[in-house]
Protein backbone atom coordinates (compact mmCIF):
# COMPACT_ATOMS: atom_id res chain seq x y z
CA UNK A 1 0.00 0.00 0.00
CA UNK A 2 2.92 2.37 0.60
CA UNK A 3 3.65 2.29 -3.15
CA UNK A 4 0.11 3.48 -3.89
CA UNK A 5 0.44 6.39 -1.50
CA UNK A 6 2.96 7.97 -3.88
CA UNK A 7 -0.11 8.81 -5.98
CA UNK A 8 -2.76 10.16 -3.55
CA UNK A 9 -4.77 12.09 -6.16
CA UNK A 10 -4.93 9.07 -8.45
CA UNK A 11 -6.06 6.83 -5.58
CA UNK A 12 -8.68 9.42 -4.60
CA UNK A 13 -10.02 10.20 -8.09
CA UNK A 14 -9.40 6.95 -9.97
CA UNK A 15 -11.49 3.86 -10.51
CA UNK A 16 -10.89 0.24 -11.59
CA UNK A 17 -10.39 -0.25 -15.34
CA UNK A 18 -10.96 -3.33 -17.47
CA UNK A 19 -7.53 -4.34 -18.73
CA UNK A 20 -5.70 -7.46 -19.86
CA UNK A 21 -2.51 -8.58 -21.58
CA UNK A 22 -1.23 -11.26 -23.92
CA UNK A 23 -0.22 -13.91 -21.36
CA UNK A 24 -3.23 -15.70 -19.81
CA UNK A 25 -1.06 -17.06 -16.97
CA UNK A 26 -0.58 -13.55 -15.54
CA UNK A 27 -3.01 -11.39 -13.55
CA UNK A 28 -3.79 -7.86 -14.77
CA UNK A 29 -5.22 -5.00 -12.71
CA UNK A 30 -5.65 -1.34 -13.69
CA UNK A 31 -6.78 1.65 -11.65
CA UNK A 32 -6.84 5.18 -12.95
CA UNK A 33 -8.38 8.22 -14.57
CA UNK A 34 -8.38 9.45 -18.15
CA UNK A 35 -4.94 11.04 -17.66
CA UNK A 36 -3.02 8.54 -15.53
CA UNK A 37 -3.21 4.91 -14.53
CA UNK A 38 -1.53 2.35 -12.28
CA UNK A 39 -1.07 -1.00 -14.00
CA UNK A 40 -0.26 -4.15 -12.03
CA UNK A 41 0.89 -7.36 -13.71
CA UNK A 42 1.31 -10.29 -11.33
CA UNK A 43 2.86 -13.70 -11.96
CA UNK A 44 1.17 -15.34 -8.99
CA UNK A 45 0.93 -18.77 -10.67
CA UNK A 46 4.74 -18.77 -10.83
CA UNK A 47 4.71 -19.31 -14.57
CA UNK A 48 8.18 -19.71 -16.07
CA UNK A 49 6.99 -17.60 -18.98
CA UNK A 50 6.29 -14.17 -17.50
CA UNK A 51 6.55 -12.30 -20.80
CA UNK A 52 3.57 -10.28 -21.94
CA UNK A 53 2.50 -7.42 -24.14
CA UNK A 54 0.00 -5.07 -22.52
CA UNK A 55 -1.86 -2.14 -24.08
CA UNK A 56 -1.81 1.19 -22.26
CA UNK A 57 -5.43 2.22 -21.58
CA UNK A 58 -4.87 5.95 -22.19
CA UNK A 59 -5.39 8.09 -25.29
CA UNK A 60 -1.91 9.64 -24.94
CA UNK A 61 1.13 8.10 -23.24
CA UNK A 62 3.75 10.45 -21.78
CA UNK A 63 5.77 8.96 -18.91
CA UNK A 64 5.90 5.29 -17.96
CA UNK A 65 7.57 4.37 -14.67
CA UNK A 66 8.13 1.11 -12.80
CA UNK A 67 6.87 2.17 -9.37
CA UNK A 68 8.82 -0.50 -7.46
CA UNK A 69 12.26 0.15 -9.00
CA UNK A 70 11.83 3.78 -10.10
CA UNK A 71 13.00 2.83 -13.61
CA UNK A 72 11.56 4.84 -16.48
CA UNK A 73 10.23 2.66 -19.30
CA UNK A 74 9.86 3.45 -22.98
CA UNK A 75 6.52 5.22 -23.53
CA UNK A 76 4.23 3.76 -26.15
CA UNK A 77 0.75 2.38 -26.67
CA UNK A 78 1.96 -1.08 -25.62
CA UNK A 79 4.38 -2.28 -22.94
CA UNK A 80 6.46 -5.43 -23.15
CA UNK A 81 7.14 -6.83 -19.69
CA UNK A 82 8.74 -9.93 -18.21
CA UNK A 83 7.39 -10.69 -14.73
CA UNK A 84 9.48 -13.15 -12.69
CA UNK A 85 7.69 -16.17 -11.18
CA UNK A 86 5.90 -15.26 -7.94
CA UNK A 87 6.47 -11.55 -8.47
CA UNK A 88 4.71 -8.50 -9.90
CA UNK A 89 5.40 -5.27 -11.77
CA UNK A 90 3.55 -2.07 -10.87
CA UNK A 91 3.68 0.65 -13.53
CA UNK A 92 2.48 4.26 -13.37
CA UNK A 93 1.56 5.83 -16.72
CA UNK A 94 0.89 9.53 -17.10
CA UNK A 95 -0.30 11.27 -20.25
C-alpha atoms as a PDB file:
ATOM      1  CA  UNK A   1       0.000   0.000   0.000  1.00  0.00           C
ATOM      2  CA  UNK A   2       2.916   2.368   0.604  1.00  0.00           C
ATOM      3  CA  UNK A   3       3.645   2.294  -3.146  1.00  0.00           C
ATOM      4  CA  UNK A   4       0.115   3.480  -3.891  1.00  0.00           C
ATOM      5  CA  UNK A   5       0.436   6.391  -1.497  1.00  0.00           C
ATOM      6  CA  UNK A   6       2.961   7.968  -3.875  1.00  0.00           C
ATOM      7  CA  UNK A   7      -0.113   8.808  -5.983  1.00  0.00           C
ATOM      8  CA  UNK A   8      -2.760  10.163  -3.553  1.00  0.00           C
ATOM      9  CA  UNK A   9      -4.770  12.094  -6.160  1.00  0.00           C
ATOM     10  CA  UNK A  10      -4.926   9.075  -8.451  1.00  0.00           C
ATOM     11  CA  UNK A  11      -6.059   6.831  -5.577  1.00  0.00           C
ATOM     12  CA  UNK A  12      -8.680   9.424  -4.601  1.00  0.00           C
ATOM     13  CA  UNK A  13     -10.015  10.205  -8.093  1.00  0.00           C
ATOM     14  CA  UNK A  14      -9.404   6.945  -9.973  1.00  0.00           C
ATOM     15  CA  UNK A  15     -11.491   3.862 -10.510  1.00  0.00           C
ATOM     16  CA  UNK A  16     -10.895   0.244 -11.594  1.00  0.00           C
ATOM     17  CA  UNK A  17     -10.395  -0.248 -15.342  1.00  0.00           C
ATOM     18  CA  UNK A  18     -10.962  -3.326 -17.469  1.00  0.00           C
ATOM     19  CA  UNK A  19      -7.530  -4.335 -18.730  1.00  0.00           C
ATOM     20  CA  UNK A  20      -5.704  -7.459 -19.863  1.00  0.00           C
ATOM     21  CA  UNK A  21      -2.512  -8.584 -21.580  1.00  0.00           C
ATOM     22  CA  UNK A  22      -1.234 -11.263 -23.921  1.00  0.00           C
ATOM     23  CA  UNK A  23      -0.218 -13.912 -21.362  1.00  0.00           C
ATOM     24  CA  UNK A  24      -3.228 -15.700 -19.814  1.00  0.00           C
ATOM     25  CA  UNK A  25      -1.060 -17.059 -16.967  1.00  0.00           C
ATOM     26  CA  UNK A  26      -0.583 -13.554 -15.538  1.00  0.00           C
ATOM     27  CA  UNK A  27      -3.010 -11.386 -13.554  1.00  0.00           C
ATOM     28  CA  UNK A  28      -3.787  -7.861 -14.768  1.00  0.00           C
ATOM     29  CA  UNK A  29      -5.217  -4.998 -12.711  1.00  0.00           C
ATOM     30  CA  UNK A  30      -5.649  -1.339 -13.690  1.00  0.00           C
ATOM     31  CA  UNK A  31      -6.784   1.653 -11.654  1.00  0.00           C
ATOM     32  CA  UNK A  32      -6.843   5.178 -12.951  1.00  0.00           C
ATOM     33  CA  UNK A  33      -8.380   8.219 -14.570  1.00  0.00           C
ATOM     34  CA  UNK A  34      -8.383   9.454 -18.148  1.00  0.00           C
ATOM     35  CA  UNK A  35      -4.944  11.035 -17.661  1.00  0.00           C
ATOM     36  CA  UNK A  36      -3.024   8.536 -15.526  1.00  0.00           C
ATOM     37  CA  UNK A  37      -3.212   4.909 -14.528  1.00  0.00           C
ATOM     38  CA  UNK A  38      -1.529   2.351 -12.284  1.00  0.00           C
ATOM     39  CA  UNK A  39      -1.071  -0.999 -14.000  1.00  0.00           C
ATOM     40  CA  UNK A  40      -0.265  -4.149 -12.029  1.00  0.00           C
ATOM     41  CA  UNK A  41       0.889  -7.361 -13.711  1.00  0.00           C
ATOM     42  CA  UNK A  42       1.313 -10.294 -11.334  1.00  0.00           C
ATOM     43  CA  UNK A  43       2.859 -13.697 -11.962  1.00  0.00           C
ATOM     44  CA  UNK A  44       1.170 -15.344  -8.992  1.00  0.00           C
ATOM     45  CA  UNK A  45       0.926 -18.772 -10.674  1.00  0.00           C
ATOM     46  CA  UNK A  46       4.743 -18.772 -10.825  1.00  0.00           C
ATOM     47  CA  UNK A  47       4.715 -19.306 -14.570  1.00  0.00           C
ATOM     48  CA  UNK A  48       8.184 -19.708 -16.072  1.00  0.00           C
ATOM     49  CA  UNK A  49       6.987 -17.596 -18.985  1.00  0.00           C
ATOM     50  CA  UNK A  50       6.288 -14.169 -17.501  1.00  0.00           C
ATOM     51  CA  UNK A  51       6.554 -12.300 -20.799  1.00  0.00           C
ATOM     52  CA  UNK A  52       3.573 -10.279 -21.940  1.00  0.00           C
ATOM     53  CA  UNK A  53       2.501  -7.423 -24.135  1.00  0.00           C
ATOM     54  CA  UNK A  54      -0.003  -5.065 -22.521  1.00  0.00           C
ATOM     55  CA  UNK A  55      -1.855  -2.141 -24.076  1.00  0.00           C
ATOM     56  CA  UNK A  56      -1.814   1.193 -22.261  1.00  0.00           C
ATOM     57  CA  UNK A  57      -5.430   2.225 -21.584  1.00  0.00           C
ATOM     58  CA  UNK A  58      -4.865   5.954 -22.192  1.00  0.00           C
ATOM     59  CA  UNK A  59      -5.393   8.090 -25.292  1.00  0.00           C
ATOM     60  CA  UNK A  60      -1.908   9.642 -24.942  1.00  0.00           C
ATOM     61  CA  UNK A  61       1.132   8.099 -23.243  1.00  0.00           C
ATOM     62  CA  UNK A  62       3.754  10.449 -21.779  1.00  0.00           C
ATOM     63  CA  UNK A  63       5.772   8.960 -18.911  1.00  0.00           C
ATOM     64  CA  UNK A  64       5.904   5.287 -17.960  1.00  0.00           C
ATOM     65  CA  UNK A  65       7.566   4.369 -14.667  1.00  0.00           C
ATOM     66  CA  UNK A  66       8.127   1.106 -12.803  1.00  0.00           C
ATOM     67  CA  UNK A  67       6.869   2.173  -9.375  1.00  0.00           C
ATOM     68  CA  UNK A  68       8.818  -0.496  -7.459  1.00  0.00           C
ATOM     69  CA  UNK A  69      12.261   0.146  -9.002  1.00  0.00           C
ATOM     70  CA  UNK A  70      11.827   3.776 -10.101  1.00  0.00           C
ATOM     71  CA  UNK A  71      13.000   2.833 -13.607  1.00  0.00           C
ATOM     72  CA  UNK A  72      11.557   4.841 -16.485  1.00  0.00           C
ATOM     73  CA  UNK A  73      10.227   2.661 -19.304  1.00  0.00           C
ATOM     74  CA  UNK A  74       9.857   3.455 -22.979  1.00  0.00           C
ATOM     75  CA  UNK A  75       6.519   5.225 -23.533  1.00  0.00           C
ATOM     76  CA  UNK A  76       4.229   3.756 -26.146  1.00  0.00           C
ATOM     77  CA  UNK A  77       0.747   2.382 -26.673  1.00  0.00           C
ATOM     78  CA  UNK A  78       1.956  -1.080 -25.620  1.00  0.00           C
ATOM     79  CA  UNK A  79       4.378  -2.280 -22.943  1.00  0.00           C
ATOM     80  CA  UNK A  80       6.461  -5.429 -23.154  1.00  0.00           C
ATOM     81  CA  UNK A  81       7.136  -6.825 -19.692  1.00  0.00           C
ATOM     82  CA  UNK A  82       8.740  -9.928 -18.208  1.00  0.00           C
ATOM     83  CA  UNK A  83       7.387 -10.690 -14.731  1.00  0.00           C
ATOM     84  CA  UNK A  84       9.483 -13.151 -12.689  1.00  0.00           C
ATOM     85  CA  UNK A  85       7.691 -16.172 -11.178  1.00  0.00           C
ATOM     86  CA  UNK A  86       5.900 -15.264  -7.944  1.00  0.00           C
ATOM     87  CA  UNK A  87       6.466 -11.552  -8.465  1.00  0.00           C
ATOM     88  CA  UNK A  88       4.708  -8.501  -9.902  1.00  0.00           C
ATOM     89  CA  UNK A  89       5.400  -5.272 -11.770  1.00  0.00           C
ATOM     90  CA  UNK A  90       3.550  -2.066 -10.873  1.00  0.00           C
ATOM     91  CA  UNK A  91       3.677   0.647 -13.526  1.00  0.00           C
ATOM     92  CA  UNK A  92       2.484   4.261 -13.372  1.00  0.00           C
ATOM     93  CA  UNK A  93       1.559   5.826 -16.716  1.00  0.00           C
ATOM     94  CA  UNK A  94       0.886   9.533 -17.100  1.00  0.00           C
ATOM     95  CA  UNK A  95      -0.299  11.274 -20.254  1.00  0.00           C
END
